[in-house]
Amino acid sequence: MRNFATPYLPLDPDLPLDDMMRQWPSTIPVMLRHRFLCVGCPIAPFHTLLDACREHGADLDAVTKDIEEVVGGSVPPPAAGTVRSRGSRRSASGGGGR
C-alpha cells in the first residue's frame, strides 16, 4: 500500500515519473529545467521523483516546489479520511519517511 503522507498525488513518493508527466504534462518543462533526463527515458515508468533527484543530484524540496507550482489547481483534493502531511516527505539525501 502506498504512503499518502505527501501533500499532492503527483508527489506521492511511489508515483512513477512517467505517470506524473502523462497526467500533468506541465511537469515536463520542470523536469527539463532541472536537467533531468527522465522525459522519454525507458526507466521513467519505474523511477519516482525521489529516485530522479538522487540520480541527478537535485534538491527534492526545490523540484517538488516547482512541480507544485505548475500542477497547481489541477490536483484533485485528497479523499475523505486521507491524512496528508508535509513533514513526512522523504528527502533526496536518503532519509526515511516511512
N, C-alpha and C. Protein backbone atom coordinates (compact mmCIF):
# COMPACT_ATOMS: atom_id res chain seq x y z
N MET A 1 0.84 -1.19 0.00
CA MET A 1 0.00 0.00 0.00
C MET A 1 0.88 1.24 0.00
N ARG A 2 0.46 2.25 -0.73
CA ARG A 2 1.22 3.49 -0.82
C ARG A 2 1.13 4.30 0.46
N ASN A 3 2.16 5.07 0.72
CA ASN A 3 2.19 6.01 1.84
C ASN A 3 1.70 7.35 1.29
N PHE A 4 0.51 7.76 1.69
CA PHE A 4 -0.07 9.00 1.16
C PHE A 4 0.21 10.17 2.10
N ALA A 5 1.42 10.26 2.57
CA ALA A 5 1.78 11.32 3.50
C ALA A 5 2.30 12.57 2.81
N THR A 6 2.26 12.62 1.48
CA THR A 6 2.71 13.80 0.76
C THR A 6 1.50 14.67 0.44
N PRO A 7 1.72 15.96 0.18
CA PRO A 7 0.60 16.88 0.04
C PRO A 7 -0.25 16.68 -1.20
N TYR A 8 0.29 16.20 -2.29
CA TYR A 8 -0.46 16.07 -3.53
C TYR A 8 -0.17 14.74 -4.20
N LEU A 9 -1.12 14.26 -4.95
CA LEU A 9 -0.98 12.98 -5.63
C LEU A 9 0.23 12.89 -6.54
N PRO A 10 0.58 13.90 -7.38
CA PRO A 10 1.73 13.71 -8.26
C PRO A 10 3.04 13.61 -7.49
N LEU A 11 3.01 14.02 -6.23
CA LEU A 11 4.23 13.99 -5.44
C LEU A 11 4.26 12.79 -4.50
N ASP A 12 3.34 11.88 -4.68
CA ASP A 12 3.36 10.63 -3.94
C ASP A 12 4.71 9.99 -4.21
N PRO A 13 5.45 9.62 -3.18
CA PRO A 13 6.79 9.08 -3.41
C PRO A 13 6.82 7.80 -4.24
N ASP A 14 5.69 7.13 -4.37
CA ASP A 14 5.64 5.89 -5.14
C ASP A 14 5.10 6.09 -6.56
N LEU A 15 4.73 7.32 -6.91
CA LEU A 15 4.19 7.58 -8.25
C LEU A 15 5.31 7.61 -9.28
N PRO A 16 5.26 6.75 -10.29
CA PRO A 16 6.30 6.77 -11.32
C PRO A 16 6.30 8.09 -12.09
N LEU A 17 7.48 8.54 -12.48
CA LEU A 17 7.60 9.80 -13.21
C LEU A 17 6.82 9.79 -14.51
N ASP A 18 6.82 8.65 -15.18
CA ASP A 18 6.07 8.55 -16.43
C ASP A 18 4.59 8.85 -16.20
N ASP A 19 4.02 8.30 -15.14
CA ASP A 19 2.62 8.56 -14.81
C ASP A 19 2.40 10.03 -14.50
N MET A 20 3.32 10.62 -13.73
CA MET A 20 3.19 12.03 -13.37
C MET A 20 3.22 12.91 -14.62
N MET A 21 4.17 12.66 -15.53
CA MET A 21 4.30 13.50 -16.72
C MET A 21 3.14 13.31 -17.68
N ARG A 22 2.56 12.11 -17.72
CA ARG A 22 1.40 11.87 -18.59
C ARG A 22 0.15 12.54 -18.03
N GLN A 23 -0.04 12.46 -16.71
CA GLN A 23 -1.23 13.05 -16.10
C GLN A 23 -1.13 14.57 -16.04
N TRP A 24 0.07 15.09 -15.83
CA TRP A 24 0.28 16.53 -15.73
C TRP A 24 1.42 16.91 -16.68
N PRO A 25 1.15 17.07 -17.98
CA PRO A 25 2.21 17.41 -18.95
C PRO A 25 2.96 18.70 -18.60
N SER A 26 2.35 19.56 -17.81
CA SER A 26 3.03 20.80 -17.42
C SER A 26 4.25 20.53 -16.55
N THR A 27 4.40 19.30 -16.07
CA THR A 27 5.59 18.96 -15.28
C THR A 27 6.81 18.69 -16.15
N ILE A 28 6.60 18.44 -17.43
CA ILE A 28 7.72 18.11 -18.33
C ILE A 28 8.73 19.27 -18.41
N PRO A 29 8.29 20.52 -18.63
CA PRO A 29 9.29 21.60 -18.65
C PRO A 29 10.04 21.75 -17.32
N VAL A 30 9.39 21.42 -16.22
CA VAL A 30 10.07 21.47 -14.91
C VAL A 30 11.20 20.44 -14.88
N MET A 31 10.90 19.24 -15.36
CA MET A 31 11.91 18.19 -15.39
C MET A 31 13.09 18.62 -16.26
N LEU A 32 12.80 19.20 -17.41
CA LEU A 32 13.86 19.65 -18.32
C LEU A 32 14.66 20.81 -17.72
N ARG A 33 13.96 21.72 -17.05
CA ARG A 33 14.63 22.87 -16.43
C ARG A 33 15.62 22.42 -15.36
N HIS A 34 15.29 21.33 -14.66
CA HIS A 34 16.20 20.79 -13.64
C HIS A 34 17.23 19.83 -14.25
N ARG A 35 17.24 19.76 -15.58
CA ARG A 35 18.19 18.95 -16.34
C ARG A 35 18.05 17.46 -16.07
N PHE A 36 16.80 17.04 -15.79
CA PHE A 36 16.52 15.62 -15.63
C PHE A 36 16.41 15.01 -17.02
N LEU A 37 16.92 13.82 -17.16
CA LEU A 37 16.88 13.11 -18.44
C LEU A 37 15.70 12.15 -18.48
N CYS A 38 14.69 12.38 -17.67
CA CYS A 38 13.57 11.45 -17.48
C CYS A 38 12.55 11.47 -18.62
N VAL A 39 12.43 12.57 -19.31
CA VAL A 39 11.44 12.68 -20.37
C VAL A 39 11.83 11.76 -21.51
N GLY A 40 11.00 10.75 -21.75
CA GLY A 40 11.28 9.78 -22.79
C GLY A 40 12.23 8.66 -22.39
N CYS A 41 12.69 8.69 -21.16
CA CYS A 41 13.62 7.66 -20.68
C CYS A 41 12.88 6.34 -20.44
N PRO A 42 13.47 5.23 -20.84
CA PRO A 42 12.80 3.94 -20.63
C PRO A 42 12.68 3.56 -19.15
N ILE A 43 13.38 4.25 -18.27
CA ILE A 43 13.30 3.96 -16.83
C ILE A 43 12.21 4.79 -16.15
N ALA A 44 11.70 5.83 -16.81
CA ALA A 44 10.69 6.71 -16.21
C ALA A 44 9.46 5.98 -15.68
N PRO A 45 9.01 4.87 -16.28
CA PRO A 45 7.88 4.16 -15.69
C PRO A 45 8.21 3.50 -14.35
N PHE A 46 9.48 3.42 -14.01
CA PHE A 46 9.89 2.76 -12.78
C PHE A 46 10.49 3.71 -11.75
N HIS A 47 10.98 4.87 -12.19
CA HIS A 47 11.59 5.83 -11.28
C HIS A 47 10.55 6.77 -10.70
N THR A 48 10.78 7.17 -9.46
CA THR A 48 9.94 8.15 -8.79
C THR A 48 10.68 9.49 -8.78
N LEU A 49 10.02 10.52 -8.29
CA LEU A 49 10.67 11.83 -8.18
C LEU A 49 11.86 11.74 -7.24
N LEU A 50 11.72 11.00 -6.17
CA LEU A 50 12.83 10.80 -5.23
C LEU A 50 14.01 10.13 -5.93
N ASP A 51 13.73 9.10 -6.71
CA ASP A 51 14.80 8.41 -7.46
C ASP A 51 15.50 9.39 -8.41
N ALA A 52 14.72 10.18 -9.12
CA ALA A 52 15.30 11.12 -10.10
C ALA A 52 16.17 12.16 -9.40
N CYS A 53 15.72 12.67 -8.27
CA CYS A 53 16.52 13.66 -7.54
C CYS A 53 17.83 13.04 -7.07
N ARG A 54 17.77 11.82 -6.61
CA ARG A 54 19.01 11.14 -6.20
C ARG A 54 19.95 10.96 -7.39
N GLU A 55 19.42 10.48 -8.51
CA GLU A 55 20.22 10.20 -9.69
C GLU A 55 20.87 11.45 -10.27
N HIS A 56 20.15 12.58 -10.21
CA HIS A 56 20.64 13.82 -10.83
C HIS A 56 21.22 14.80 -9.82
N GLY A 57 21.29 14.41 -8.55
CA GLY A 57 21.86 15.28 -7.54
C GLY A 57 21.06 16.55 -7.31
N ALA A 58 19.75 16.45 -7.45
CA ALA A 58 18.88 17.63 -7.31
C ALA A 58 18.25 17.68 -5.91
N ASP A 59 17.87 18.86 -5.53
CA ASP A 59 17.22 19.09 -4.24
C ASP A 59 15.74 18.71 -4.37
N LEU A 60 15.32 17.69 -3.64
CA LEU A 60 13.94 17.20 -3.72
C LEU A 60 12.94 18.30 -3.38
N ASP A 61 13.21 19.09 -2.35
CA ASP A 61 12.27 20.14 -1.97
C ASP A 61 12.11 21.20 -3.06
N ALA A 62 13.22 21.59 -3.70
CA ALA A 62 13.15 22.60 -4.76
C ALA A 62 12.38 22.07 -5.97
N VAL A 63 12.64 20.84 -6.36
CA VAL A 63 11.94 20.25 -7.51
C VAL A 63 10.46 20.09 -7.18
N THR A 64 10.17 19.62 -5.97
CA THR A 64 8.79 19.45 -5.53
C THR A 64 8.04 20.77 -5.57
N LYS A 65 8.68 21.84 -5.09
CA LYS A 65 8.04 23.16 -5.09
C LYS A 65 7.72 23.60 -6.53
N ASP A 66 8.66 23.40 -7.44
CA ASP A 66 8.43 23.78 -8.83
C ASP A 66 7.29 22.97 -9.45
N ILE A 67 7.23 21.70 -9.14
CA ILE A 67 6.16 20.86 -9.67
C ILE A 67 4.81 21.28 -9.09
N GLU A 68 4.77 21.56 -7.79
CA GLU A 68 3.53 22.02 -7.15
C GLU A 68 3.02 23.29 -7.82
N GLU A 69 3.94 24.19 -8.18
CA GLU A 69 3.54 25.45 -8.81
C GLU A 69 2.89 25.24 -10.17
N VAL A 70 3.44 24.32 -10.98
CA VAL A 70 2.87 24.13 -12.31
C VAL A 70 1.62 23.26 -12.29
N VAL A 71 1.54 22.35 -11.35
CA VAL A 71 0.36 21.49 -11.27
C VAL A 71 -0.81 22.28 -10.68
N GLY A 72 -0.51 23.09 -9.68
CA GLY A 72 -1.50 23.98 -9.08
C GLY A 72 -2.84 23.36 -8.79
N GLY A 73 -3.90 23.97 -9.30
CA GLY A 73 -5.26 23.55 -9.03
C GLY A 73 -5.71 22.32 -9.78
N SER A 74 -4.85 21.73 -10.62
CA SER A 74 -5.28 20.56 -11.37
C SER A 74 -5.18 19.27 -10.56
N VAL A 75 -4.69 19.37 -9.33
CA VAL A 75 -4.56 18.20 -8.48
C VAL A 75 -5.86 17.98 -7.73
N PRO A 76 -6.42 16.78 -7.80
CA PRO A 76 -7.64 16.52 -7.05
C PRO A 76 -7.38 16.57 -5.55
N PRO A 77 -8.37 17.01 -4.77
CA PRO A 77 -8.18 17.05 -3.33
C PRO A 77 -8.05 15.63 -2.79
N PRO A 78 -7.44 15.48 -1.60
CA PRO A 78 -7.32 14.14 -1.03
C PRO A 78 -8.68 13.55 -0.73
N ALA A 79 -8.75 12.23 -0.80
CA ALA A 79 -10.00 11.54 -0.50
C ALA A 79 -10.35 11.73 0.97
N ALA A 80 -11.63 11.66 1.27
CA ALA A 80 -12.09 11.82 2.65
C ALA A 80 -11.39 10.79 3.54
N GLY A 81 -10.92 11.25 4.68
CA GLY A 81 -10.26 10.35 5.61
C GLY A 81 -8.78 10.17 5.35
N THR A 82 -8.25 10.77 4.28
CA THR A 82 -6.83 10.66 3.95
C THR A 82 -6.09 11.78 4.67
N VAL A 83 -5.05 11.41 5.37
CA VAL A 83 -4.24 12.40 6.09
C VAL A 83 -2.98 12.63 5.29
N ARG A 84 -2.72 13.89 4.99
CA ARG A 84 -1.51 14.24 4.25
C ARG A 84 -0.76 15.28 5.05
N SER A 85 0.55 15.10 5.14
CA SER A 85 1.37 16.00 5.93
C SER A 85 2.67 16.29 5.21
N ARG A 86 3.05 17.54 5.16
CA ARG A 86 4.30 17.92 4.51
C ARG A 86 5.51 17.38 5.27
N GLY A 87 5.41 17.25 6.56
CA GLY A 87 6.54 16.89 7.39
C GLY A 87 7.06 15.48 7.20
N SER A 88 6.31 14.62 6.56
CA SER A 88 6.76 13.24 6.47
C SER A 88 7.32 12.89 5.10
N ARG A 89 7.54 13.87 4.25
CA ARG A 89 8.09 13.63 2.91
C ARG A 89 9.52 13.13 3.05
N ARG A 90 9.87 12.12 2.27
CA ARG A 90 11.24 11.60 2.28
C ARG A 90 12.16 12.59 1.60
N SER A 91 13.39 12.62 2.03
CA SER A 91 14.35 13.55 1.44
C SER A 91 15.22 12.84 0.41
N ALA A 92 15.79 13.62 -0.49
CA ALA A 92 16.65 13.07 -1.53
C ALA A 92 17.96 12.58 -0.93
N SER A 93 18.26 12.96 0.30
CA SER A 93 19.50 12.51 0.92
C SER A 93 19.39 11.09 1.45
N GLY A 94 18.21 10.48 1.26
CA GLY A 94 18.06 9.09 1.66
C GLY A 94 17.39 8.93 3.01
N GLY A 95 16.97 10.03 3.63
CA GLY A 95 16.29 9.91 4.90
C GLY A 95 14.97 9.20 4.74
N GLY A 96 14.62 8.41 5.68
CA GLY A 96 13.37 7.64 5.59
C GLY A 96 12.17 8.46 5.98
N GLY A 97 11.08 8.25 5.31
CA GLY A 97 9.84 8.92 5.64
C GLY A 97 8.75 7.91 5.88
N ARG A 98 9.12 6.67 5.91
CA ARG A 98 8.12 5.62 6.11
C ARG A 98 8.27 5.02 7.46
